[in-house]
């Protein structure tokens, strides 16, 4: 199950650097996770300072 980035995202970029497979991409106004590329490791969840990343 992939994770999703909610509207609470502040586009700080912390999650991009934490993703080992590059599944996170910049978006406007918030970032997004490619569900097909996500390996559900949870690294992005731990990296997000505002808790905007949730299990899908």
N, C-alpha and C. Protein backbone atom coordinates (compact mmCIF):
# COMPACT_ATOMS: atom_id res chain seq x y z
N UNK A 1 0.85 -1.18 0.00
CA UNK A 1 0.00 0.00 0.00
C UNK A 1 0.90 1.24 0.00
N UNK A 2 0.68 2.12 -0.92
CA UNK A 2 1.47 3.34 -1.03
C UNK A 2 1.00 4.37 -0.01
N UNK A 3 1.81 5.38 0.17
CA UNK A 3 1.44 6.50 1.03
C UNK A 3 0.95 7.65 0.15
N UNK A 4 0.25 8.60 0.76
CA UNK A 4 -0.22 9.79 0.06
C UNK A 4 0.19 11.02 0.85
N UNK A 5 0.39 12.10 0.13
CA UNK A 5 0.71 13.39 0.76
C UNK A 5 -0.56 14.21 0.76
N UNK A 6 -0.97 14.64 1.94
CA UNK A 6 -2.22 15.38 2.10
C UNK A 6 -2.02 16.87 1.84
N UNK A 7 -3.11 17.61 1.90
CA UNK A 7 -3.07 19.05 1.67
C UNK A 7 -2.32 19.80 2.77
N UNK A 8 -1.97 19.11 3.84
CA UNK A 8 -1.21 19.74 4.92
C UNK A 8 0.25 19.97 4.54
N UNK A 9 0.67 19.42 3.39
CA UNK A 9 2.05 19.54 2.92
C UNK A 9 2.45 21.01 2.78
N UNK A 10 3.64 21.33 3.28
CA UNK A 10 4.17 22.70 3.18
C UNK A 10 5.26 22.80 2.12
N UNK A 11 5.45 21.76 1.33
CA UNK A 11 6.41 21.72 0.23
C UNK A 11 7.83 22.08 0.68
N UNK A 12 8.26 21.50 1.79
CA UNK A 12 9.59 21.79 2.34
C UNK A 12 10.69 20.96 1.68
N UNK A 13 10.32 19.82 1.09
CA UNK A 13 11.29 18.97 0.40
C UNK A 13 11.93 17.89 1.25
N UNK A 14 11.62 17.83 2.51
CA UNK A 14 12.22 16.81 3.39
C UNK A 14 11.91 15.39 2.92
N UNK A 15 10.74 15.18 2.42
CA UNK A 15 10.33 13.84 2.00
C UNK A 15 11.07 13.39 0.74
N UNK A 16 11.34 14.30 -0.17
CA UNK A 16 12.03 13.94 -1.41
C UNK A 16 13.39 13.33 -1.11
N UNK A 17 14.13 13.96 -0.24
CA UNK A 17 15.47 13.47 0.10
C UNK A 17 15.43 12.13 0.84
N UNK A 18 14.33 11.81 1.49
CA UNK A 18 14.25 10.58 2.27
C UNK A 18 13.80 9.38 1.46
N UNK A 19 13.23 9.58 0.28
CA UNK A 19 12.68 8.48 -0.50
C UNK A 19 13.78 7.73 -1.26
N UNK A 20 13.97 6.44 -0.95
CA UNK A 20 15.05 5.68 -1.59
C UNK A 20 14.79 5.32 -3.05
N UNK A 21 13.54 5.43 -3.50
CA UNK A 21 13.23 5.06 -4.88
C UNK A 21 12.79 6.24 -5.75
N UNK A 22 12.82 7.44 -5.21
CA UNK A 22 12.47 8.63 -5.98
C UNK A 22 11.00 8.70 -6.38
N UNK A 23 10.12 8.22 -5.52
CA UNK A 23 8.69 8.18 -5.82
C UNK A 23 7.97 9.50 -5.54
N UNK A 24 8.66 10.45 -4.92
CA UNK A 24 8.03 11.71 -4.54
C UNK A 24 8.44 12.80 -5.52
N UNK A 25 7.44 13.58 -5.93
CA UNK A 25 7.68 14.63 -6.92
C UNK A 25 7.09 15.95 -6.46
N UNK A 26 7.75 17.04 -6.85
CA UNK A 26 7.24 18.37 -6.54
C UNK A 26 5.93 18.58 -7.25
N UNK A 27 5.04 19.27 -6.58
CA UNK A 27 3.76 19.60 -7.16
C UNK A 27 3.36 20.99 -6.74
N UNK A 28 2.25 21.44 -7.25
CA UNK A 28 1.77 22.76 -6.90
C UNK A 28 0.33 22.62 -6.46
N UNK A 29 -0.01 22.82 -5.24
CA UNK A 29 0.79 23.47 -4.20
C UNK A 29 1.54 22.50 -3.28
N UNK A 30 1.28 21.20 -3.37
CA UNK A 30 2.00 20.27 -2.50
C UNK A 30 2.57 19.11 -3.30
N UNK A 31 3.44 18.36 -2.68
CA UNK A 31 4.13 17.25 -3.34
C UNK A 31 3.20 16.06 -3.51
N UNK A 32 3.63 15.09 -4.33
CA UNK A 32 2.82 13.90 -4.54
C UNK A 32 3.72 12.67 -4.58
N UNK A 33 3.12 11.51 -4.33
CA UNK A 33 3.84 10.24 -4.34
C UNK A 33 3.30 9.39 -5.49
N UNK A 34 4.20 8.88 -6.31
CA UNK A 34 3.83 7.96 -7.39
C UNK A 34 3.54 6.60 -6.74
N UNK A 35 2.28 6.22 -6.71
CA UNK A 35 1.86 4.99 -6.04
C UNK A 35 2.50 3.75 -6.65
N UNK A 36 2.77 3.77 -7.94
CA UNK A 36 3.39 2.61 -8.60
C UNK A 36 4.86 2.45 -8.21
N UNK A 37 5.52 3.55 -7.89
CA UNK A 37 6.94 3.51 -7.54
C UNK A 37 7.17 3.34 -6.04
N UNK A 38 6.20 3.74 -5.22
CA UNK A 38 6.33 3.68 -3.76
C UNK A 38 6.49 2.24 -3.28
N UNK A 39 7.50 2.01 -2.44
CA UNK A 39 7.73 0.67 -1.88
C UNK A 39 7.21 0.55 -0.44
N UNK A 40 6.50 1.57 0.02
CA UNK A 40 5.86 1.56 1.34
C UNK A 40 6.87 1.38 2.47
N UNK A 41 8.01 2.03 2.37
CA UNK A 41 9.04 1.89 3.41
C UNK A 41 8.78 2.80 4.61
N UNK A 42 8.04 3.90 4.40
CA UNK A 42 7.72 4.81 5.48
C UNK A 42 8.77 5.86 5.79
N UNK A 43 9.84 5.91 5.02
CA UNK A 43 10.88 6.90 5.26
C UNK A 43 10.34 8.33 5.17
N UNK A 44 9.45 8.55 4.23
CA UNK A 44 8.89 9.88 4.04
C UNK A 44 8.02 10.30 5.23
N UNK A 45 7.32 9.35 5.80
CA UNK A 45 6.46 9.64 6.96
C UNK A 45 7.31 10.18 8.11
N UNK A 46 8.43 9.54 8.36
CA UNK A 46 9.33 9.97 9.43
C UNK A 46 9.98 11.32 9.13
N UNK A 47 10.20 11.61 7.84
CA UNK A 47 10.88 12.84 7.45
C UNK A 47 9.97 14.07 7.44
N UNK A 48 8.68 13.86 7.32
CA UNK A 48 7.75 14.99 7.20
C UNK A 48 7.58 15.72 8.53
N UNK A 49 7.93 17.01 8.56
CA UNK A 49 7.85 17.76 9.83
C UNK A 49 6.42 18.14 10.24
N UNK A 50 5.46 18.05 9.32
CA UNK A 50 4.10 18.44 9.65
C UNK A 50 3.12 17.28 9.64
N UNK A 51 3.60 16.05 9.44
CA UNK A 51 2.72 14.88 9.46
C UNK A 51 1.74 14.84 8.30
N UNK A 52 2.16 15.31 7.13
CA UNK A 52 1.26 15.38 5.98
C UNK A 52 1.23 14.10 5.15
N UNK A 53 2.01 13.09 5.52
CA UNK A 53 2.05 11.86 4.74
C UNK A 53 1.38 10.74 5.52
N UNK A 54 0.40 10.11 4.86
CA UNK A 54 -0.42 9.10 5.50
C UNK A 54 -0.47 7.83 4.64
N UNK A 55 -0.74 6.67 5.26
CA UNK A 55 -0.97 5.46 4.46
C UNK A 55 -2.22 5.65 3.62
N UNK A 56 -2.22 5.10 2.42
CA UNK A 56 -3.36 5.25 1.52
C UNK A 56 -4.47 4.32 1.93
